[in-house]
Amino acid sequence: MNSGDFRRCLAQFATGVTVVTYLRLGVPRGVTVNAFTSVSLDPPLVLVSMAKTARSSALLRYCDFAVNVLAADQRDLALRFAGGPASTVPVRWRDGLAAPYLEGCVATLQCRPWESHAAGDHLLHLGEVQDLTTHGGDPLIFHDGVLGGLGLGGRGPADRRTVAGDRTS
């Protein structure tokens, strides 16, 4: 088995798409993450997995963050925070209890760092949920290299580049 085969196999698992947001030197920042899951109800914990090489990954060990579950119509926002080309997509920031968050998402979880663990070439960040909002709607889904709504019909392939850093508004 090589890493390409492994990636192609994992691409068959559909995931939601999130943008993890935080403050860095007083400026709101974010990074697109699809490796996100719930961990515990008591206490309420979530997990975000990020490449060790991502600048934002080291910061999440110590700073509050928000997990923004993107809506199906936020594909361009996902690409913007995934390191895509310079974008004119507007970012509508809001102040949150723990960290800045994005308007228009289907859900947002405000988190305080709980623990971080090294796992291969990634860091697993556990966050304790301090506050949350749920708006509902059609979520953005990533499956087999395609970003789209639950139907995934008519959507173009996602940018497959590895996120190497974070993006500002």
N, C-alpha and C. Protein backbone atom coordinates (compact mmCIF):
# COMPACT_ATOMS: atom_id res chain seq x y z
N MET A 1 0.85 -1.18 0.00
CA MET A 1 0.00 0.00 0.00
C MET A 1 0.90 1.24 0.00
N ASN A 2 0.56 2.20 -0.86
CA ASN A 2 1.30 3.47 -0.85
C ASN A 2 0.36 4.58 -0.38
N SER A 3 0.90 5.77 -0.15
CA SER A 3 0.10 6.87 0.40
C SER A 3 -1.00 7.30 -0.57
N GLY A 4 -0.78 7.19 -1.88
CA GLY A 4 -1.81 7.54 -2.86
C GLY A 4 -3.01 6.61 -2.77
N ASP A 5 -2.74 5.30 -2.64
CA ASP A 5 -3.83 4.33 -2.47
C ASP A 5 -4.60 4.61 -1.19
N PHE A 6 -3.88 4.92 -0.14
CA PHE A 6 -4.50 5.21 1.15
C PHE A 6 -5.43 6.43 1.04
N ARG A 7 -4.94 7.49 0.42
CA ARG A 7 -5.75 8.71 0.23
C ARG A 7 -6.99 8.43 -0.61
N ARG A 8 -6.83 7.68 -1.71
CA ARG A 8 -7.97 7.36 -2.57
C ARG A 8 -9.03 6.55 -1.82
N CYS A 9 -8.59 5.64 -0.99
CA CYS A 9 -9.53 4.85 -0.19
C CYS A 9 -10.27 5.75 0.80
N LEU A 10 -9.55 6.60 1.51
CA LEU A 10 -10.18 7.48 2.49
C LEU A 10 -11.11 8.50 1.84
N ALA A 11 -10.84 8.84 0.59
CA ALA A 11 -11.69 9.81 -0.13
C ALA A 11 -13.11 9.28 -0.33
N GLN A 12 -13.30 7.98 -0.14
CA GLN A 12 -14.64 7.41 -0.28
C GLN A 12 -15.52 7.67 0.94
N PHE A 13 -14.91 8.17 2.00
CA PHE A 13 -15.66 8.50 3.21
C PHE A 13 -16.07 9.97 3.12
N ALA A 14 -17.36 10.23 3.00
CA ALA A 14 -17.85 11.61 2.92
C ALA A 14 -17.73 12.28 4.28
N THR A 15 -17.27 13.52 4.27
CA THR A 15 -17.14 14.28 5.52
C THR A 15 -17.78 15.65 5.34
N GLY A 16 -18.11 16.25 6.46
CA GLY A 16 -18.50 17.64 6.46
C GLY A 16 -17.24 18.48 6.29
N VAL A 17 -17.43 19.77 6.05
CA VAL A 17 -16.30 20.68 5.88
C VAL A 17 -16.44 21.80 6.91
N THR A 18 -15.35 22.07 7.61
CA THR A 18 -15.35 23.13 8.61
C THR A 18 -14.25 24.14 8.31
N VAL A 19 -14.39 25.32 8.87
CA VAL A 19 -13.30 26.27 8.95
C VAL A 19 -13.08 26.52 10.44
N VAL A 20 -11.87 26.24 10.90
CA VAL A 20 -11.51 26.49 12.29
C VAL A 20 -10.96 27.91 12.35
N THR A 21 -11.57 28.73 13.20
CA THR A 21 -11.19 30.14 13.30
C THR A 21 -10.64 30.44 14.69
N TYR A 22 -9.80 31.47 14.75
CA TYR A 22 -9.12 31.85 15.99
C TYR A 22 -8.55 33.24 15.80
N LEU A 23 -8.04 33.81 16.87
CA LEU A 23 -7.35 35.10 16.79
C LEU A 23 -5.85 34.87 16.84
N ARG A 24 -5.13 35.56 15.96
CA ARG A 24 -3.66 35.53 15.98
C ARG A 24 -3.20 36.97 15.94
N LEU A 25 -2.60 37.40 17.03
CA LEU A 25 -2.15 38.79 17.17
C LEU A 25 -3.31 39.76 16.95
N GLY A 26 -4.48 39.39 17.44
CA GLY A 26 -5.66 40.25 17.36
C GLY A 26 -6.37 40.25 16.02
N VAL A 27 -5.90 39.43 15.07
CA VAL A 27 -6.50 39.37 13.74
C VAL A 27 -7.21 38.03 13.58
N PRO A 28 -8.49 38.04 13.14
CA PRO A 28 -9.18 36.76 12.92
C PRO A 28 -8.55 35.98 11.77
N ARG A 29 -8.37 34.70 12.00
CA ARG A 29 -7.78 33.81 11.00
C ARG A 29 -8.59 32.53 10.93
N GLY A 30 -8.36 31.76 9.88
CA GLY A 30 -9.05 30.49 9.76
C GLY A 30 -8.33 29.54 8.84
N VAL A 31 -8.68 28.27 8.97
CA VAL A 31 -8.12 27.22 8.14
C VAL A 31 -9.21 26.17 7.89
N THR A 32 -9.32 25.71 6.65
CA THR A 32 -10.31 24.70 6.30
C THR A 32 -9.86 23.33 6.82
N VAL A 33 -10.80 22.64 7.47
CA VAL A 33 -10.50 21.33 8.07
C VAL A 33 -11.69 20.41 7.82
N ASN A 34 -11.45 19.21 7.28
CA ASN A 34 -12.54 18.26 7.17
C ASN A 34 -12.38 17.10 8.15
N ALA A 35 -11.25 17.04 8.86
CA ALA A 35 -11.03 16.00 9.87
C ALA A 35 -11.48 16.55 11.23
N PHE A 36 -12.78 16.42 11.48
CA PHE A 36 -13.43 16.95 12.67
C PHE A 36 -14.43 15.91 13.16
N THR A 37 -14.52 15.72 14.48
CA THR A 37 -15.49 14.78 15.02
C THR A 37 -15.81 15.12 16.47
N SER A 38 -16.96 14.64 16.92
CA SER A 38 -17.28 14.74 18.34
C SER A 38 -16.53 13.63 19.07
N VAL A 39 -16.25 13.88 20.35
CA VAL A 39 -15.49 12.92 21.15
C VAL A 39 -16.26 12.52 22.41
N SER A 40 -16.85 13.50 23.10
CA SER A 40 -17.46 13.23 24.39
C SER A 40 -18.63 14.18 24.62
N LEU A 41 -19.66 13.68 25.29
CA LEU A 41 -20.78 14.53 25.71
C LEU A 41 -20.55 15.15 27.08
N ASP A 42 -19.80 14.46 27.96
CA ASP A 42 -19.56 14.96 29.31
C ASP A 42 -18.12 14.69 29.72
N PRO A 43 -17.24 15.69 29.62
CA PRO A 43 -17.53 17.05 29.15
C PRO A 43 -17.70 17.06 27.63
N PRO A 44 -18.32 18.13 27.10
CA PRO A 44 -18.50 18.22 25.65
C PRO A 44 -17.16 18.50 24.95
N LEU A 45 -16.66 17.50 24.22
CA LEU A 45 -15.36 17.62 23.56
C LEU A 45 -15.49 17.31 22.07
N VAL A 46 -14.73 18.04 21.27
CA VAL A 46 -14.61 17.78 19.84
C VAL A 46 -13.13 17.64 19.50
N LEU A 47 -12.86 17.04 18.34
CA LEU A 47 -11.49 16.83 17.90
C LEU A 47 -11.32 17.41 16.50
N VAL A 48 -10.21 18.12 16.32
CA VAL A 48 -9.82 18.66 15.01
C VAL A 48 -8.43 18.12 14.73
N SER A 49 -8.24 17.52 13.56
CA SER A 49 -6.95 16.98 13.16
C SER A 49 -6.34 17.90 12.11
N MET A 50 -5.09 18.32 12.35
CA MET A 50 -4.42 19.24 11.42
C MET A 50 -2.98 18.79 11.19
N ALA A 51 -2.49 19.02 9.98
CA ALA A 51 -1.10 18.71 9.65
C ALA A 51 -0.17 19.47 10.59
N LYS A 52 0.87 18.80 11.03
CA LYS A 52 1.86 19.45 11.90
C LYS A 52 2.49 20.65 11.22
N THR A 53 2.56 20.64 9.88
CA THR A 53 3.21 21.73 9.14
C THR A 53 2.34 22.99 9.04
N ALA A 54 1.06 22.89 9.36
CA ALA A 54 0.19 24.07 9.29
C ALA A 54 0.53 25.01 10.44
N ARG A 55 0.78 26.28 10.14
CA ARG A 55 1.11 27.25 11.19
C ARG A 55 0.02 27.30 12.25
N SER A 56 -1.22 27.20 11.83
CA SER A 56 -2.33 27.29 12.78
C SER A 56 -2.38 26.10 13.71
N SER A 57 -1.82 24.98 13.31
CA SER A 57 -1.89 23.79 14.15
C SER A 57 -1.21 24.00 15.50
N ALA A 58 -0.04 24.59 15.50
CA ALA A 58 0.66 24.82 16.77
C ALA A 58 -0.10 25.80 17.66
N LEU A 59 -0.78 26.76 17.05
CA LEU A 59 -1.52 27.76 17.83
C LEU A 59 -2.72 27.17 18.57
N LEU A 60 -3.35 26.15 18.00
CA LEU A 60 -4.54 25.59 18.62
C LEU A 60 -4.26 24.87 19.93
N ARG A 61 -2.99 24.61 20.22
CA ARG A 61 -2.64 24.04 21.53
C ARG A 61 -2.97 25.01 22.66
N TYR A 62 -2.93 26.32 22.35
CA TYR A 62 -2.99 27.32 23.40
C TYR A 62 -4.10 28.36 23.26
N CYS A 63 -4.71 28.47 22.10
CA CYS A 63 -5.69 29.55 21.93
C CYS A 63 -7.08 28.99 21.68
N ASP A 64 -8.07 29.76 22.15
CA ASP A 64 -9.45 29.40 21.92
C ASP A 64 -9.71 29.37 20.41
N PHE A 65 -10.66 28.53 20.00
CA PHE A 65 -10.99 28.43 18.58
C PHE A 65 -12.46 28.13 18.40
N ALA A 66 -12.94 28.39 17.19
CA ALA A 66 -14.32 28.05 16.83
C ALA A 66 -14.28 27.09 15.65
N VAL A 67 -15.17 26.11 15.68
CA VAL A 67 -15.34 25.19 14.56
C VAL A 67 -16.62 25.60 13.85
N ASN A 68 -16.49 26.07 12.62
CA ASN A 68 -17.60 26.55 11.81
C ASN A 68 -17.97 25.47 10.80
N VAL A 69 -19.14 24.86 10.94
CA VAL A 69 -19.60 23.83 10.01
C VAL A 69 -20.22 24.55 8.81
N LEU A 70 -19.56 24.43 7.66
CA LEU A 70 -19.96 25.22 6.50
C LEU A 70 -21.25 24.72 5.86
N ALA A 71 -21.99 25.68 5.30
CA ALA A 71 -23.20 25.40 4.54
C ALA A 71 -22.82 25.08 3.09
N ALA A 72 -23.71 24.39 2.38
CA ALA A 72 -23.44 23.97 1.00
C ALA A 72 -23.09 25.14 0.09
N ASP A 73 -23.62 26.33 0.36
CA ASP A 73 -23.34 27.48 -0.49
C ASP A 73 -22.05 28.20 -0.10
N GLN A 74 -21.24 27.62 0.79
CA GLN A 74 -19.99 28.24 1.23
C GLN A 74 -18.75 27.56 0.66
N ARG A 75 -18.89 26.93 -0.49
CA ARG A 75 -17.77 26.25 -1.14
C ARG A 75 -16.59 27.20 -1.36
N ASP A 76 -16.87 28.40 -1.87
CA ASP A 76 -15.80 29.36 -2.14
C ASP A 76 -15.09 29.77 -0.86
N LEU A 77 -15.82 29.85 0.24
CA LEU A 77 -15.22 30.18 1.53
C LEU A 77 -14.30 29.05 1.98
N ALA A 78 -14.72 27.81 1.78
CA ALA A 78 -13.87 26.66 2.12
C ALA A 78 -12.56 26.72 1.34
N LEU A 79 -12.63 27.00 0.04
CA LEU A 79 -11.43 27.07 -0.78
C LEU A 79 -10.55 28.25 -0.37
N ARG A 80 -11.15 29.36 0.00
CA ARG A 80 -10.38 30.52 0.43
C ARG A 80 -9.51 30.19 1.64
N PHE A 81 -10.09 29.50 2.63
CA PHE A 81 -9.34 29.18 3.83
C PHE A 81 -8.51 27.90 3.70
N ALA A 82 -8.57 27.25 2.54
CA ALA A 82 -7.76 26.06 2.27
C ALA A 82 -6.48 26.41 1.54
N GLY A 83 -6.21 27.69 1.39
CA GLY A 83 -4.98 28.09 0.73
C GLY A 83 -5.13 28.26 -0.76
N GLY A 84 -6.36 28.42 -1.23
CA GLY A 84 -6.62 28.64 -2.65
C GLY A 84 -6.08 29.99 -3.09
N PRO A 85 -6.24 30.30 -4.35
CA PRO A 85 -5.75 31.59 -4.86
C PRO A 85 -6.45 32.75 -4.16
N ALA A 86 -5.82 33.91 -4.24
CA ALA A 86 -6.42 35.11 -3.64
C ALA A 86 -7.87 35.20 -4.06
N SER A 87 -8.70 35.50 -3.11
CA SER A 87 -10.13 35.44 -3.36
C SER A 87 -10.80 36.76 -3.00
N THR A 88 -11.85 37.05 -3.73
CA THR A 88 -12.65 38.23 -3.40
C THR A 88 -13.90 37.84 -2.61
N VAL A 89 -13.96 36.56 -2.20
CA VAL A 89 -15.09 36.10 -1.41
C VAL A 89 -15.10 36.86 -0.09
N PRO A 90 -16.18 37.57 0.20
CA PRO A 90 -16.21 38.31 1.46
C PRO A 90 -16.30 37.36 2.66
N VAL A 91 -15.63 37.74 3.73
CA VAL A 91 -15.67 36.98 4.97
C VAL A 91 -16.42 37.82 5.98
N ARG A 92 -17.54 37.28 6.45
CA ARG A 92 -18.35 38.00 7.44
C ARG A 92 -18.04 37.43 8.82
N TRP A 93 -17.14 38.12 9.53
CA TRP A 93 -16.71 37.70 10.86
C TRP A 93 -17.69 38.19 11.92
N ARG A 94 -17.83 37.42 12.98
CA ARG A 94 -18.60 37.80 14.16
C ARG A 94 -17.74 37.50 15.38
N ASP A 95 -17.93 38.27 16.45
CA ASP A 95 -17.23 38.00 17.70
C ASP A 95 -17.96 36.90 18.45
N GLY A 96 -17.22 35.90 18.90
CA GLY A 96 -17.80 34.79 19.65
C GLY A 96 -17.32 34.79 21.08
N LEU A 97 -17.90 33.92 21.87
CA LEU A 97 -17.53 33.78 23.27
C LEU A 97 -16.06 33.42 23.42
N ALA A 98 -15.59 32.46 22.62
CA ALA A 98 -14.21 32.01 22.71
C ALA A 98 -13.33 32.54 21.58
N ALA A 99 -13.89 32.62 20.38
CA ALA A 99 -13.10 32.99 19.21
C ALA A 99 -14.01 33.60 18.16
N PRO A 100 -13.43 34.31 17.18
CA PRO A 100 -14.27 34.84 16.09
C PRO A 100 -14.86 33.68 15.31
N TYR A 101 -16.04 33.91 14.72
CA TYR A 101 -16.66 32.87 13.92
C TYR A 101 -17.22 33.46 12.64
N LEU A 102 -17.65 32.60 11.74
CA LEU A 102 -18.13 32.99 10.42
C LEU A 102 -19.65 32.99 10.38
N GLU A 103 -20.21 34.01 9.77
CA GLU A 103 -21.67 34.06 9.57
C GLU A 103 -22.07 33.07 8.49
N GLY A 104 -23.32 32.60 8.58
CA GLY A 104 -23.90 31.80 7.51
C GLY A 104 -23.63 30.31 7.59
N CYS A 105 -22.98 29.85 8.65
CA CYS A 105 -22.68 28.42 8.78
C CYS A 105 -23.89 27.67 9.34
N VAL A 106 -23.92 26.36 9.12
CA VAL A 106 -25.03 25.57 9.65
C VAL A 106 -24.89 25.36 11.15
N ALA A 107 -23.66 25.42 11.67
CA ALA A 107 -23.42 25.30 13.11
C ALA A 107 -22.05 25.88 13.44
N THR A 108 -21.90 26.32 14.68
CA THR A 108 -20.62 26.81 15.17
C THR A 108 -20.42 26.33 16.60
N LEU A 109 -19.22 25.85 16.90
CA LEU A 109 -18.87 25.42 18.25
C LEU A 109 -17.71 26.27 18.74
N GLN A 110 -17.89 26.94 19.86
CA GLN A 110 -16.85 27.75 20.47
C GLN A 110 -16.08 26.88 21.47
N CYS A 111 -14.76 26.78 21.30
CA CYS A 111 -13.97 25.81 22.07
C CYS A 111 -12.79 26.43 22.80
N ARG A 112 -12.48 25.83 23.93
CA ARG A 112 -11.28 26.12 24.70
C ARG A 112 -10.36 24.91 24.53
N PRO A 113 -9.04 25.12 24.34
CA PRO A 113 -8.15 23.97 24.18
C PRO A 113 -8.24 23.03 25.39
N TRP A 114 -8.30 21.75 25.12
CA TRP A 114 -8.38 20.73 26.17
C TRP A 114 -7.05 19.96 26.23
N GLU A 115 -6.70 19.31 25.13
CA GLU A 115 -5.43 18.58 25.01
C GLU A 115 -5.06 18.50 23.54
N SER A 116 -3.76 18.31 23.28
CA SER A 116 -3.29 18.06 21.92
C SER A 116 -2.38 16.85 21.94
N HIS A 117 -2.45 16.05 20.88
CA HIS A 117 -1.65 14.83 20.79
C HIS A 117 -1.06 14.70 19.40
N ALA A 118 0.21 14.30 19.35
CA ALA A 118 0.85 14.02 18.07
C ALA A 118 0.34 12.67 17.56
N ALA A 119 0.06 12.60 16.25
CA ALA A 119 -0.38 11.36 15.62
C ALA A 119 0.18 11.34 14.20
N GLY A 120 1.31 10.70 14.01
CA GLY A 120 1.95 10.69 12.69
C GLY A 120 2.32 12.09 12.25
N ASP A 121 1.87 12.48 11.06
CA ASP A 121 2.20 13.81 10.54
C ASP A 121 1.14 14.86 10.91
N HIS A 122 0.26 14.53 11.86
CA HIS A 122 -0.79 15.44 12.29
C HIS A 122 -0.77 15.68 13.80
N LEU A 123 -1.43 16.74 14.21
CA LEU A 123 -1.72 16.99 15.62
C LEU A 123 -3.22 16.87 15.80
N LEU A 124 -3.63 16.18 16.84
CA LEU A 124 -5.04 16.03 17.17
C LEU A 124 -5.33 17.00 18.30
N HIS A 125 -6.20 17.97 18.03
CA HIS A 125 -6.54 18.99 19.01
C HIS A 125 -7.94 18.71 19.56
N LEU A 126 -8.01 18.50 20.86
CA LEU A 126 -9.30 18.35 21.53
C LEU A 126 -9.70 19.70 22.08
N GLY A 127 -10.94 20.09 21.82
CA GLY A 127 -11.46 21.34 22.35
C GLY A 127 -12.69 21.09 23.20
N GLU A 128 -12.76 21.78 24.33
CA GLU A 128 -13.95 21.70 25.18
C GLU A 128 -14.93 22.76 24.71
N VAL A 129 -16.11 22.34 24.34
CA VAL A 129 -17.11 23.24 23.78
C VAL A 129 -17.67 24.12 24.90
N GLN A 130 -17.55 25.44 24.70
CA GLN A 130 -18.02 26.43 25.67
C GLN A 130 -19.39 26.98 25.30
N ASP A 131 -19.66 27.02 24.00
CA ASP A 131 -20.91 27.57 23.50
C ASP A 131 -21.13 27.00 22.09
N LEU A 132 -22.37 27.00 21.63
CA LEU A 132 -22.64 26.52 20.29
C LEU A 132 -23.89 27.19 19.74
N THR A 133 -23.96 27.21 18.44
CA THR A 133 -25.16 27.68 17.74
C THR A 133 -25.43 26.70 16.61
N THR A 134 -26.71 26.45 16.37
CA THR A 134 -27.13 25.57 15.29
C THR A 134 -28.17 26.31 14.47
N HIS A 135 -27.90 26.45 13.16
CA HIS A 135 -28.83 27.13 12.26
C HIS A 135 -29.49 26.16 11.30
N GLY A 136 -28.92 24.97 11.16
CA GLY A 136 -29.48 23.99 10.23
C GLY A 136 -29.22 24.38 8.79
N GLY A 137 -29.78 23.60 7.88
CA GLY A 137 -29.59 23.83 6.46
C GLY A 137 -28.76 22.72 5.84
N ASP A 138 -28.48 22.86 4.56
CA ASP A 138 -27.71 21.88 3.80
C ASP A 138 -26.22 22.10 4.06
N PRO A 139 -25.51 21.11 4.62
CA PRO A 139 -24.09 21.29 4.90
C PRO A 139 -23.23 21.08 3.65
N LEU A 140 -22.02 21.64 3.69
CA LEU A 140 -21.03 21.39 2.65
C LEU A 140 -20.40 20.03 2.93
N ILE A 141 -20.28 19.20 1.89
CA ILE A 141 -19.75 17.85 2.01
C ILE A 141 -18.54 17.70 1.10
N PHE A 142 -17.55 16.93 1.57
CA PHE A 142 -16.37 16.60 0.78
C PHE A 142 -16.35 15.09 0.57
N HIS A 143 -16.39 14.67 -0.72
CA HIS A 143 -16.37 13.25 -1.04
C HIS A 143 -15.64 13.03 -2.35
N ASP A 144 -14.66 12.16 -2.34
CA ASP A 144 -13.92 11.78 -3.53
C ASP A 144 -13.38 12.99 -4.29
N GLY A 145 -12.88 13.96 -3.55
CA GLY A 145 -12.28 15.15 -4.15
C GLY A 145 -13.26 16.20 -4.60
N VAL A 146 -14.54 16.05 -4.26
CA VAL A 146 -15.57 16.99 -4.69
C VAL A 146 -16.21 17.66 -3.48
N LEU A 147 -16.38 18.97 -3.57
CA LEU A 147 -17.10 19.75 -2.57
C LEU A 147 -18.49 20.05 -3.09
N GLY A 148 -19.50 19.84 -2.28
CA GLY A 148 -20.86 20.16 -2.70
C GLY A 148 -21.86 19.93 -1.59
N GLY A 149 -23.13 20.07 -1.92
CA GLY A 149 -24.19 19.79 -0.96
C GLY A 149 -24.38 18.29 -0.84
N LEU A 150 -25.41 17.89 -0.17
CA LEU A 150 -25.64 16.46 0.04
C LEU A 150 -25.77 15.68 -1.25
N GLY A 151 -26.27 16.33 -2.34
CA GLY A 151 -26.37 15.65 -3.62
C GLY A 151 -25.06 15.61 -4.38
N LEU A 152 -24.15 16.53 -4.13
CA LEU A 152 -22.85 16.68 -4.79
C LEU A 152 -22.96 16.83 -6.30
N GLY A 153 -24.14 17.00 -6.82
CA GLY A 153 -24.31 17.10 -8.27
C GLY A 153 -23.81 18.42 -8.82
N GLY A 154 -23.14 18.37 -9.97
CA GLY A 154 -22.74 19.55 -10.71
C GLY A 154 -21.67 20.39 -10.07
N ARG A 155 -20.96 19.86 -9.11
CA ARG A 155 -19.91 20.63 -8.45
C ARG A 155 -18.55 20.23 -9.01
N GLY A 156 -17.65 21.19 -9.05
CA GLY A 156 -16.31 20.91 -9.55
C GLY A 156 -15.43 20.30 -8.49
N PRO A 157 -14.29 19.75 -8.90
CA PRO A 157 -13.38 19.15 -7.94
C PRO A 157 -12.81 20.19 -6.99
N ALA A 158 -12.54 19.76 -5.79
CA ALA A 158 -11.96 20.64 -4.78
C ALA A 158 -10.48 20.83 -5.07
N ASP A 159 -9.92 21.87 -4.50
CA ASP A 159 -8.49 22.11 -4.58
C ASP A 159 -7.82 21.05 -3.70
N ARG A 160 -7.00 20.18 -4.27
CA ARG A 160 -6.44 19.06 -3.54
C ARG A 160 -5.11 19.39 -2.86
N ARG A 161 -4.69 20.64 -2.88
CA ARG A 161 -3.42 20.99 -2.26
C ARG A 161 -3.52 20.85 -0.74
N THR A 162 -2.43 20.48 -0.10
CA THR A 162 -2.37 20.38 1.34
C THR A 162 -2.33 21.80 1.91
N VAL A 163 -3.08 22.02 2.96
CA VAL A 163 -3.07 23.32 3.61
C VAL A 163 -1.75 23.45 4.35
N ALA A 164 -0.97 24.46 4.01
CA ALA A 164 0.33 24.66 4.62
C ALA A 164 0.33 25.86 5.55
N GLY A 165 -0.73 26.60 5.60
CA GLY A 165 -0.75 27.77 6.46
C GLY A 165 -2.16 28.23 6.69
N ASP A 166 -2.28 29.39 7.27
CA ASP A 166 -3.61 29.91 7.52
C ASP A 166 -3.85 31.14 6.68
N ARG A 167 -5.07 31.58 6.64
CA ARG A 167 -5.47 32.72 5.82
C ARG A 167 -6.10 33.79 6.69
N THR A 168 -5.92 35.01 6.29
CA THR A 168 -6.57 36.11 7.00
C THR A 168 -7.85 36.46 6.26
N SER A 169 -8.59 37.35 6.86
CA SER A 169 -9.83 37.79 6.20
C SER A 169 -9.47 38.60 4.98
